[in-house]
N, C-alpha and C. Protein backbone atom coordinates (compact mmCIF):
# COMPACT_ATOMS: atom_id res chain seq x y z
N UNK A 1 0.82 -1.19 0.00
CA UNK A 1 0.00 0.00 0.00
C UNK A 1 0.87 1.26 0.00
N UNK A 2 1.97 1.22 0.77
CA UNK A 2 2.84 2.38 0.85
C UNK A 2 3.47 2.68 -0.50
N UNK A 3 3.84 1.65 -1.25
CA UNK A 3 4.44 1.83 -2.55
C UNK A 3 3.48 2.53 -3.51
N UNK A 4 2.22 2.16 -3.46
CA UNK A 4 1.23 2.78 -4.34
C UNK A 4 1.07 4.25 -3.99
N UNK A 5 0.99 4.55 -2.71
CA UNK A 5 0.86 5.96 -2.28
C UNK A 5 2.07 6.76 -2.75
N UNK A 6 3.25 6.19 -2.56
CA UNK A 6 4.46 6.89 -2.97
C UNK A 6 4.43 7.13 -4.47
N UNK A 7 4.04 6.12 -5.23
CA UNK A 7 3.98 6.26 -6.69
C UNK A 7 2.98 7.33 -7.08
N UNK A 8 1.84 7.35 -6.42
CA UNK A 8 0.82 8.36 -6.74
C UNK A 8 1.32 9.77 -6.39
N UNK A 9 1.97 9.89 -5.26
CA UNK A 9 2.49 11.20 -4.88
C UNK A 9 3.54 11.69 -5.87
N UNK A 10 4.44 10.81 -6.25
CA UNK A 10 5.49 11.19 -7.19
C UNK A 10 4.89 11.46 -8.57
N UNK A 11 3.93 10.63 -8.99
CA UNK A 11 3.27 10.86 -10.28
C UNK A 11 2.56 12.21 -10.28
N UNK A 12 1.88 12.51 -9.18
CA UNK A 12 1.19 13.78 -9.07
C UNK A 12 2.19 14.94 -9.15
N UNK A 13 3.29 14.78 -8.47
CA UNK A 13 4.33 15.79 -8.49
C UNK A 13 4.89 15.96 -9.89
N UNK A 14 5.11 14.86 -10.58
CA UNK A 14 5.64 14.92 -11.94
C UNK A 14 4.66 15.60 -12.89
N UNK A 15 3.39 15.28 -12.76
CA UNK A 15 2.38 15.91 -13.61
C UNK A 15 2.36 17.41 -13.38
N UNK A 16 2.45 17.83 -12.13
CA UNK A 16 2.47 19.25 -11.81
C UNK A 16 3.65 19.93 -12.47
N UNK A 17 4.81 19.34 -12.35
CA UNK A 17 6.02 19.95 -12.89
C UNK A 17 5.91 20.09 -14.40
N UNK A 18 5.50 19.02 -15.06
CA UNK A 18 5.38 19.05 -16.52
C UNK A 18 4.35 20.09 -16.95
N UNK A 19 3.21 20.12 -16.29
CA UNK A 19 2.17 21.07 -16.69
C UNK A 19 2.59 22.51 -16.40
N UNK A 20 3.30 22.73 -15.31
CA UNK A 20 3.78 24.07 -14.99
C UNK A 20 4.80 24.53 -16.01
N UNK A 21 5.73 23.65 -16.35
CA UNK A 21 6.74 24.00 -17.35
C UNK A 21 6.11 24.27 -18.71
N UNK A 22 5.17 23.44 -19.09
CA UNK A 22 4.50 23.63 -20.38
C UNK A 22 3.70 24.92 -20.40
N UNK A 23 3.00 25.20 -19.31
CA UNK A 23 2.20 26.42 -19.23
C UNK A 23 3.08 27.66 -19.28
N UNK A 24 4.26 27.58 -18.67
CA UNK A 24 5.14 28.75 -18.66
C UNK A 24 5.71 29.05 -20.04
N UNK A 25 5.68 28.06 -20.95
CA UNK A 25 6.22 28.26 -22.29
C UNK A 25 5.12 28.49 -23.32
N UNK A 26 3.87 28.62 -22.88
CA UNK A 26 2.74 28.81 -23.77
C UNK A 26 2.31 30.27 -23.73
N UNK A 27 2.06 30.90 -24.89
CA UNK A 27 1.59 32.28 -24.88
C UNK A 27 0.27 32.39 -24.11
N UNK A 28 0.05 33.56 -23.48
CA UNK A 28 -1.15 33.76 -22.68
C UNK A 28 -2.43 33.62 -23.47
N UNK A 29 -2.41 33.95 -24.78
CA UNK A 29 -3.63 33.90 -25.57
C UNK A 29 -3.82 32.56 -26.29
N UNK A 30 -2.97 31.59 -26.00
CA UNK A 30 -3.10 30.27 -26.65
C UNK A 30 -4.29 29.53 -26.08
N UNK A 31 -5.02 28.79 -26.92
CA UNK A 31 -6.14 28.02 -26.41
C UNK A 31 -5.64 26.87 -25.54
N UNK A 32 -6.45 26.41 -24.59
CA UNK A 32 -6.00 25.30 -23.75
C UNK A 32 -5.87 24.03 -24.57
N UNK A 33 -4.97 23.14 -24.16
CA UNK A 33 -4.81 21.88 -24.89
C UNK A 33 -6.03 21.00 -24.68
N UNK A 34 -6.27 20.07 -25.60
CA UNK A 34 -7.41 19.16 -25.41
C UNK A 34 -7.15 18.26 -24.21
N UNK A 35 -8.21 17.84 -23.53
CA UNK A 35 -8.01 16.99 -22.36
C UNK A 35 -7.47 15.63 -22.76
N UNK A 36 -6.64 15.07 -21.90
CA UNK A 36 -6.11 13.73 -22.13
C UNK A 36 -6.82 12.80 -21.16
N UNK A 37 -7.06 11.59 -21.59
CA UNK A 37 -7.76 10.63 -20.75
C UNK A 37 -6.88 9.41 -20.55
N UNK A 38 -6.94 8.85 -19.36
CA UNK A 38 -6.17 7.64 -19.08
C UNK A 38 -5.64 7.67 -17.67
N UNK A 39 -4.66 6.86 -17.42
CA UNK A 39 -4.08 6.75 -16.09
C UNK A 39 -2.57 6.76 -16.23
N UNK A 40 -1.94 7.32 -15.19
CA UNK A 40 -0.49 7.21 -15.14
C UNK A 40 0.23 8.35 -15.81
N UNK A 41 1.29 8.02 -16.48
CA UNK A 41 2.29 8.93 -17.01
C UNK A 41 1.74 10.12 -17.76
N UNK A 42 1.74 11.27 -17.10
CA UNK A 42 1.36 12.49 -17.77
C UNK A 42 -0.09 12.57 -18.19
N UNK A 43 -0.94 11.73 -17.68
CA UNK A 43 -2.33 11.72 -18.10
C UNK A 43 -3.18 12.41 -17.04
N UNK A 44 -4.36 12.84 -17.46
CA UNK A 44 -5.31 13.46 -16.55
C UNK A 44 -5.77 12.43 -15.54
N UNK A 45 -5.66 12.75 -14.27
CA UNK A 45 -6.02 11.80 -13.24
C UNK A 45 -7.45 11.98 -12.73
N UNK A 46 -8.19 12.88 -13.34
CA UNK A 46 -9.58 13.05 -12.96
C UNK A 46 -9.80 14.36 -12.22
N UNK A 47 -11.06 14.62 -11.87
CA UNK A 47 -11.42 15.87 -11.22
C UNK A 47 -10.65 16.06 -9.92
N UNK A 48 -10.11 17.26 -9.71
CA UNK A 48 -9.42 17.58 -8.48
C UNK A 48 -7.97 17.15 -8.43
N UNK A 49 -7.54 16.36 -9.39
CA UNK A 49 -6.17 15.85 -9.35
C UNK A 49 -5.15 16.99 -9.46
N UNK A 50 -5.42 17.96 -10.34
CA UNK A 50 -4.50 19.07 -10.50
C UNK A 50 -4.30 19.85 -9.21
N UNK A 51 -5.40 20.02 -8.48
CA UNK A 51 -5.31 20.71 -7.19
C UNK A 51 -4.47 19.91 -6.21
N UNK A 52 -4.62 18.60 -6.25
CA UNK A 52 -3.83 17.73 -5.37
C UNK A 52 -2.34 17.87 -5.69
N UNK A 53 -2.03 17.91 -6.97
CA UNK A 53 -0.64 18.04 -7.40
C UNK A 53 -0.07 19.38 -6.94
N UNK A 54 -0.83 20.44 -7.14
CA UNK A 54 -0.38 21.77 -6.70
C UNK A 54 -0.13 21.78 -5.20
N UNK A 55 -1.00 21.12 -4.47
CA UNK A 55 -0.85 21.03 -3.02
C UNK A 55 0.48 20.37 -2.66
N UNK A 56 0.80 19.26 -3.34
CA UNK A 56 2.04 18.55 -3.05
C UNK A 56 3.27 19.41 -3.37
N UNK A 57 3.24 20.07 -4.51
CA UNK A 57 4.38 20.90 -4.89
C UNK A 57 4.58 22.03 -3.90
N UNK A 58 3.47 22.60 -3.45
CA UNK A 58 3.57 23.68 -2.46
C UNK A 58 4.09 23.15 -1.14
N UNK A 59 3.57 22.00 -0.71
CA UNK A 59 4.00 21.42 0.56
C UNK A 59 5.48 21.06 0.55
N UNK A 60 5.96 20.58 -0.62
CA UNK A 60 7.37 20.19 -0.71
C UNK A 60 8.27 21.36 -1.06
N UNK A 61 7.67 22.49 -1.46
CA UNK A 61 8.41 23.70 -1.76
C UNK A 61 9.57 23.44 -2.74
N UNK A 62 9.21 22.93 -3.91
CA UNK A 62 10.22 22.61 -4.92
C UNK A 62 10.87 23.88 -5.46
N UNK A 63 12.17 23.78 -5.71
CA UNK A 63 12.88 24.90 -6.31
C UNK A 63 12.66 24.88 -7.82
N UNK A 64 12.98 25.98 -8.47
CA UNK A 64 12.87 26.03 -9.93
C UNK A 64 13.82 25.01 -10.57
N UNK A 65 14.98 24.84 -9.97
CA UNK A 65 15.93 23.85 -10.51
C UNK A 65 15.35 22.45 -10.42
N UNK A 66 14.70 22.11 -9.30
CA UNK A 66 14.08 20.80 -9.17
C UNK A 66 12.97 20.61 -10.21
N UNK A 67 12.18 21.65 -10.40
CA UNK A 67 11.10 21.58 -11.39
C UNK A 67 11.68 21.35 -12.79
N UNK A 68 12.76 22.03 -13.10
CA UNK A 68 13.41 21.86 -14.41
C UNK A 68 13.97 20.46 -14.56
N UNK A 69 14.61 19.94 -13.52
CA UNK A 69 15.17 18.60 -13.58
C UNK A 69 14.08 17.54 -13.73
N UNK A 70 12.98 17.72 -13.03
CA UNK A 70 11.87 16.76 -13.13
C UNK A 70 11.28 16.82 -14.53
N UNK A 71 11.14 18.02 -15.05
CA UNK A 71 10.63 18.18 -16.42
C UNK A 71 11.53 17.45 -17.41
N UNK A 72 12.84 17.56 -17.23
CA UNK A 72 13.79 16.88 -18.12
C UNK A 72 13.64 15.36 -18.03
N UNK A 73 13.48 14.85 -16.83
CA UNK A 73 13.29 13.40 -16.64
C UNK A 73 12.03 12.95 -17.38
N UNK A 74 10.97 13.71 -17.21
CA UNK A 74 9.69 13.33 -17.83
C UNK A 74 9.80 13.37 -19.36
N UNK A 75 10.46 14.37 -19.89
CA UNK A 75 10.64 14.45 -21.35
C UNK A 75 11.48 13.29 -21.86
N UNK A 76 12.53 12.95 -21.12
CA UNK A 76 13.43 11.86 -21.53
C UNK A 76 12.70 10.52 -21.51
N UNK A 77 11.81 10.32 -20.56
CA UNK A 77 11.15 9.03 -20.39
C UNK A 77 9.86 8.90 -21.21
N UNK A 78 9.36 9.99 -21.74
CA UNK A 78 8.10 9.95 -22.49
C UNK A 78 8.12 8.93 -23.63
N UNK A 79 9.20 8.85 -24.45
CA UNK A 79 9.21 7.86 -25.54
C UNK A 79 9.12 6.41 -25.06
N UNK A 80 9.54 6.15 -23.86
CA UNK A 80 9.44 4.79 -23.30
C UNK A 80 8.03 4.52 -22.78
N UNK A 81 7.45 5.50 -22.11
CA UNK A 81 6.15 5.30 -21.47
C UNK A 81 4.97 5.36 -22.44
N UNK A 82 5.06 6.23 -23.44
CA UNK A 82 3.92 6.42 -24.32
C UNK A 82 3.44 5.13 -24.98
N UNK A 83 4.33 4.33 -25.59
CA UNK A 83 3.84 3.10 -26.21
C UNK A 83 3.24 2.11 -25.21
N UNK A 84 3.77 2.08 -24.00
CA UNK A 84 3.20 1.20 -22.98
C UNK A 84 1.79 1.64 -22.61
N UNK A 85 1.61 2.94 -22.44
CA UNK A 85 0.28 3.46 -22.10
C UNK A 85 -0.69 3.21 -23.25
N UNK A 86 -0.22 3.34 -24.49
CA UNK A 86 -1.07 3.08 -25.65
C UNK A 86 -1.46 1.61 -25.72
N UNK A 87 -0.50 0.72 -25.43
CA UNK A 87 -0.80 -0.72 -25.42
C UNK A 87 -1.88 -1.02 -24.39
N UNK A 88 -1.71 -0.46 -23.21
CA UNK A 88 -2.69 -0.70 -22.15
C UNK A 88 -4.07 -0.20 -22.57
N UNK A 89 -4.11 0.96 -23.19
CA UNK A 89 -5.38 1.52 -23.65
C UNK A 89 -6.04 0.63 -24.70
N UNK A 90 -5.25 0.12 -25.63
CA UNK A 90 -5.79 -0.76 -26.67
C UNK A 90 -6.37 -2.05 -26.07
N UNK A 91 -5.70 -2.59 -25.08
CA UNK A 91 -6.20 -3.79 -24.41
C UNK A 91 -7.52 -3.46 -23.70
N UNK A 92 -7.58 -2.30 -23.05
CA UNK A 92 -8.82 -1.90 -22.38
C UNK A 92 -9.97 -1.77 -23.38
N UNK A 93 -9.68 -1.23 -24.55
CA UNK A 93 -10.71 -1.11 -25.58
C UNK A 93 -11.20 -2.50 -26.02
N UNK A 94 -10.27 -3.44 -26.16
CA UNK A 94 -10.65 -4.79 -26.54
C UNK A 94 -11.48 -5.46 -25.45
N UNK A 95 -11.12 -5.23 -24.19
CA UNK A 95 -11.88 -5.80 -23.08
C UNK A 95 -13.32 -5.27 -23.03
N UNK A 96 -13.46 -4.01 -23.42
CA UNK A 96 -14.78 -3.39 -23.37
C UNK A 96 -15.79 -4.15 -24.22
N UNK A 97 -15.34 -4.73 -25.33
CA UNK A 97 -16.27 -5.46 -26.20
C UNK A 97 -16.89 -6.66 -25.48
N UNK A 98 -16.20 -7.21 -24.49
CA UNK A 98 -16.74 -8.35 -23.74
C UNK A 98 -17.64 -7.91 -22.60
N UNK A 99 -17.60 -6.64 -22.27
CA UNK A 99 -18.55 -6.07 -21.31
C UNK A 99 -19.85 -5.75 -22.04
N UNK A 100 -19.69 -5.12 -23.20
CA UNK A 100 -20.85 -4.65 -23.95
C UNK A 100 -21.47 -5.74 -24.83
N UNK A 101 -20.71 -6.79 -25.13
CA UNK A 101 -21.21 -7.86 -26.00
C UNK A 101 -21.23 -9.18 -25.27
N UNK A 102 -20.91 -10.24 -25.99
CA UNK A 102 -20.89 -11.58 -25.42
C UNK A 102 -19.59 -11.81 -24.65
N UNK A 103 -19.72 -12.23 -23.41
CA UNK A 103 -18.55 -12.51 -22.57
C UNK A 103 -17.90 -13.81 -23.02
N UNK A 104 -16.57 -13.78 -23.21
CA UNK A 104 -15.81 -14.97 -23.59
C UNK A 104 -14.65 -15.11 -22.60
N UNK A 105 -14.82 -16.04 -21.67
CA UNK A 105 -13.86 -16.22 -20.57
C UNK A 105 -12.43 -16.39 -21.07
N UNK A 106 -12.22 -17.23 -22.06
CA UNK A 106 -10.86 -17.51 -22.56
C UNK A 106 -10.22 -16.27 -23.17
N UNK A 107 -10.98 -15.52 -23.96
CA UNK A 107 -10.43 -14.32 -24.59
C UNK A 107 -10.16 -13.23 -23.57
N UNK A 108 -11.06 -13.08 -22.61
CA UNK A 108 -10.85 -12.09 -21.55
C UNK A 108 -9.62 -12.46 -20.73
N UNK A 109 -9.46 -13.76 -20.43
CA UNK A 109 -8.29 -14.22 -19.67
C UNK A 109 -7.00 -13.91 -20.43
N UNK A 110 -6.99 -14.15 -21.74
CA UNK A 110 -5.80 -13.87 -22.54
C UNK A 110 -5.49 -12.37 -22.55
N UNK A 111 -6.51 -11.55 -22.70
CA UNK A 111 -6.30 -10.09 -22.68
C UNK A 111 -5.83 -9.63 -21.29
N UNK A 112 -6.39 -10.24 -20.25
CA UNK A 112 -5.99 -9.88 -18.89
C UNK A 112 -4.51 -10.21 -18.66
N UNK A 113 -4.05 -11.31 -19.21
CA UNK A 113 -2.64 -11.68 -19.08
C UNK A 113 -1.75 -10.69 -19.84
N UNK A 114 -2.20 -10.29 -21.04
CA UNK A 114 -1.44 -9.29 -21.80
C UNK A 114 -1.37 -7.98 -21.02
N UNK A 115 -2.50 -7.59 -20.46
CA UNK A 115 -2.55 -6.34 -19.71
C UNK A 115 -1.64 -6.42 -18.48
N UNK A 116 -1.61 -7.56 -17.82
CA UNK A 116 -0.74 -7.73 -16.65
C UNK A 116 0.73 -7.56 -17.03
N UNK A 117 1.12 -8.08 -18.19
CA UNK A 117 2.49 -7.92 -18.65
C UNK A 117 2.82 -6.45 -18.92
N UNK A 118 1.89 -5.76 -19.58
CA UNK A 118 2.10 -4.33 -19.86
C UNK A 118 2.15 -3.54 -18.56
N UNK A 119 1.23 -3.85 -17.64
CA UNK A 119 1.23 -3.15 -16.36
C UNK A 119 2.51 -3.39 -15.58
N UNK A 120 3.06 -4.58 -15.68
CA UNK A 120 4.33 -4.86 -15.01
C UNK A 120 5.44 -3.99 -15.60
N UNK A 121 5.46 -3.85 -16.92
CA UNK A 121 6.47 -2.98 -17.55
C UNK A 121 6.26 -1.53 -17.12
N UNK A 122 5.03 -1.09 -17.08
CA UNK A 122 4.73 0.28 -16.66
C UNK A 122 5.19 0.49 -15.22
N UNK A 123 4.92 -0.48 -14.36
CA UNK A 123 5.32 -0.36 -12.96
C UNK A 123 6.84 -0.24 -12.82
N UNK A 124 7.57 -1.03 -13.58
CA UNK A 124 9.03 -0.95 -13.53
C UNK A 124 9.50 0.42 -13.99
N UNK A 125 8.97 0.89 -15.11
CA UNK A 125 9.37 2.20 -15.65
C UNK A 125 9.00 3.33 -14.69
N UNK A 126 7.77 3.30 -14.18
CA UNK A 126 7.33 4.35 -13.26
C UNK A 126 8.17 4.36 -11.99
N UNK A 127 8.48 3.18 -11.49
CA UNK A 127 9.29 3.12 -10.27
C UNK A 127 10.68 3.68 -10.51
N UNK A 128 11.24 3.38 -11.68
CA UNK A 128 12.56 3.94 -12.02
C UNK A 128 12.48 5.46 -12.11
N UNK A 129 11.44 5.98 -12.77
CA UNK A 129 11.26 7.43 -12.90
C UNK A 129 11.05 8.06 -11.53
N UNK A 130 10.20 7.44 -10.72
CA UNK A 130 9.93 7.98 -9.39
C UNK A 130 11.20 8.00 -8.54
N UNK A 131 12.03 6.98 -8.70
CA UNK A 131 13.29 6.94 -7.98
C UNK A 131 14.19 8.10 -8.40
N UNK A 132 14.24 8.36 -9.69
CA UNK A 132 15.05 9.48 -10.18
C UNK A 132 14.53 10.80 -9.60
N UNK A 133 13.23 10.96 -9.59
CA UNK A 133 12.64 12.19 -9.06
C UNK A 133 12.88 12.28 -7.56
N UNK A 134 12.70 11.18 -6.85
CA UNK A 134 12.90 11.17 -5.41
C UNK A 134 14.32 11.59 -5.04
N UNK A 135 15.29 11.18 -5.87
CA UNK A 135 16.68 11.54 -5.60
C UNK A 135 16.93 13.04 -5.72
N UNK A 136 16.04 13.75 -6.40
CA UNK A 136 16.18 15.21 -6.55
C UNK A 136 15.72 15.96 -5.31
N UNK A 137 14.94 15.30 -4.46
CA UNK A 137 14.41 15.96 -3.27
C UNK A 137 15.48 16.12 -2.21
N UNK A 138 15.36 17.18 -1.46
CA UNK A 138 16.26 17.38 -0.33
C UNK A 138 15.85 16.46 0.80
N UNK A 139 16.69 16.35 1.81
CA UNK A 139 16.37 15.51 2.97
C UNK A 139 15.08 16.00 3.63
N UNK A 140 14.91 17.32 3.73
CA UNK A 140 13.68 17.86 4.33
C UNK A 140 12.45 17.52 3.49
N UNK A 141 12.58 17.62 2.17
CA UNK A 141 11.45 17.30 1.30
C UNK A 141 11.10 15.81 1.40
N UNK A 142 12.11 14.97 1.46
CA UNK A 142 11.86 13.53 1.62
C UNK A 142 11.15 13.26 2.94
N UNK A 143 11.59 13.93 3.98
CA UNK A 143 10.96 13.78 5.29
C UNK A 143 9.50 14.25 5.24
N UNK A 144 9.26 15.38 4.60
CA UNK A 144 7.90 15.89 4.47
C UNK A 144 7.03 14.90 3.69
N UNK A 145 7.57 14.35 2.62
CA UNK A 145 6.82 13.39 1.81
C UNK A 145 6.49 12.15 2.63
N UNK A 146 7.45 11.66 3.40
CA UNK A 146 7.20 10.49 4.25
C UNK A 146 6.13 10.78 5.30
N UNK A 147 6.16 11.98 5.85
CA UNK A 147 5.15 12.37 6.83
C UNK A 147 3.77 12.43 6.18
N UNK A 148 3.69 12.99 4.98
CA UNK A 148 2.43 13.06 4.26
C UNK A 148 1.92 11.65 3.96
N UNK A 149 2.82 10.75 3.58
CA UNK A 149 2.44 9.36 3.31
C UNK A 149 1.91 8.70 4.57
N UNK A 150 2.57 8.92 5.70
CA UNK A 150 2.13 8.31 6.96
C UNK A 150 0.75 8.83 7.36
N UNK A 151 0.52 10.11 7.17
CA UNK A 151 -0.79 10.69 7.48
C UNK A 151 -1.86 10.12 6.55
N UNK A 152 -1.52 9.99 5.28
CA UNK A 152 -2.46 9.41 4.32
C UNK A 152 -2.78 7.96 4.69
N UNK A 153 -1.77 7.20 5.04
CA UNK A 153 -1.97 5.80 5.41
C UNK A 153 -2.88 5.71 6.64
N UNK A 154 -2.68 6.58 7.61
CA UNK A 154 -3.53 6.57 8.80
C UNK A 154 -4.99 6.86 8.44
N UNK A 155 -5.19 7.82 7.54
CA UNK A 155 -6.56 8.13 7.09
C UNK A 155 -7.17 6.94 6.35
N UNK A 156 -6.38 6.29 5.51
CA UNK A 156 -6.87 5.12 4.77
C UNK A 156 -7.23 3.98 5.72
N UNK A 157 -6.41 3.74 6.71
CA UNK A 157 -6.69 2.68 7.68
C UNK A 157 -7.98 2.99 8.44
N UNK A 158 -8.14 4.23 8.82
CA UNK A 158 -9.36 4.64 9.53
C UNK A 158 -10.58 4.48 8.63
N UNK A 159 -10.45 4.86 7.37
CA UNK A 159 -11.55 4.72 6.42
C UNK A 159 -11.92 3.25 6.23
N UNK A 160 -10.90 2.41 6.08
CA UNK A 160 -11.17 0.98 5.88
C UNK A 160 -11.80 0.37 7.13
N UNK A 161 -11.37 0.82 8.28
CA UNK A 161 -11.92 0.31 9.54
C UNK A 161 -13.39 0.70 9.67
N UNK A 162 -13.72 1.91 9.25
CA UNK A 162 -15.09 2.42 9.37
C UNK A 162 -16.02 1.91 8.28
N UNK A 163 -15.48 1.31 7.24
CA UNK A 163 -16.29 0.86 6.12
C UNK A 163 -16.15 -0.65 5.88
N UNK A 164 -16.10 -1.40 6.95
CA UNK A 164 -16.04 -2.85 6.85
C UNK A 164 -17.40 -3.39 6.42
N UNK A 165 -17.43 -4.43 5.60
CA UNK A 165 -18.73 -5.03 5.27
C UNK A 165 -19.35 -5.64 6.52
N UNK A 166 -20.66 -5.64 6.58
CA UNK A 166 -21.30 -6.21 7.77
C UNK A 166 -20.97 -7.69 7.93
N UNK A 167 -20.78 -8.11 9.15
CA UNK A 167 -20.45 -9.50 9.41
C UNK A 167 -21.67 -10.37 9.14
N UNK A 168 -21.40 -11.55 8.59
CA UNK A 168 -22.50 -12.49 8.34
C UNK A 168 -22.95 -13.11 9.65
N UNK A 169 -24.24 -13.31 9.76
CA UNK A 169 -24.77 -13.87 10.99
C UNK A 169 -24.99 -15.34 10.89
């Protein structure tokens, strides 16, 4: 659970840095970019995600140099991540036909195995990227991030405790 939280925090931080850098290089009168859909690397994480990312960057008080370095990492890794994210998306589209049409256990199982392989590759790449980004943080920023993770974990444990399914009688 801690690994997932750390990955989400770092991903959120990376998205913030990339979007801030891109926005700073865009003319004020330029139209906004079209929304991106999906999960993970540089993709829209849903409503409120941008605010969450801004919150993290503010809490960690990143320097301009850190933001630039993170932006460089993200640009360098984009060619590796993009095809993986596209593969995952294509598999999801194929799976959808078995939700909307006739369910075929064998075909869904085969697609699920393909998706698991792609997700494993994505996890390895994301963890490597997150490690690179984590190394850019100061000792204080790392400590702040760990404290934020611990607080989040405590809230999650409390939420799970309060939302247990009713016991069978």
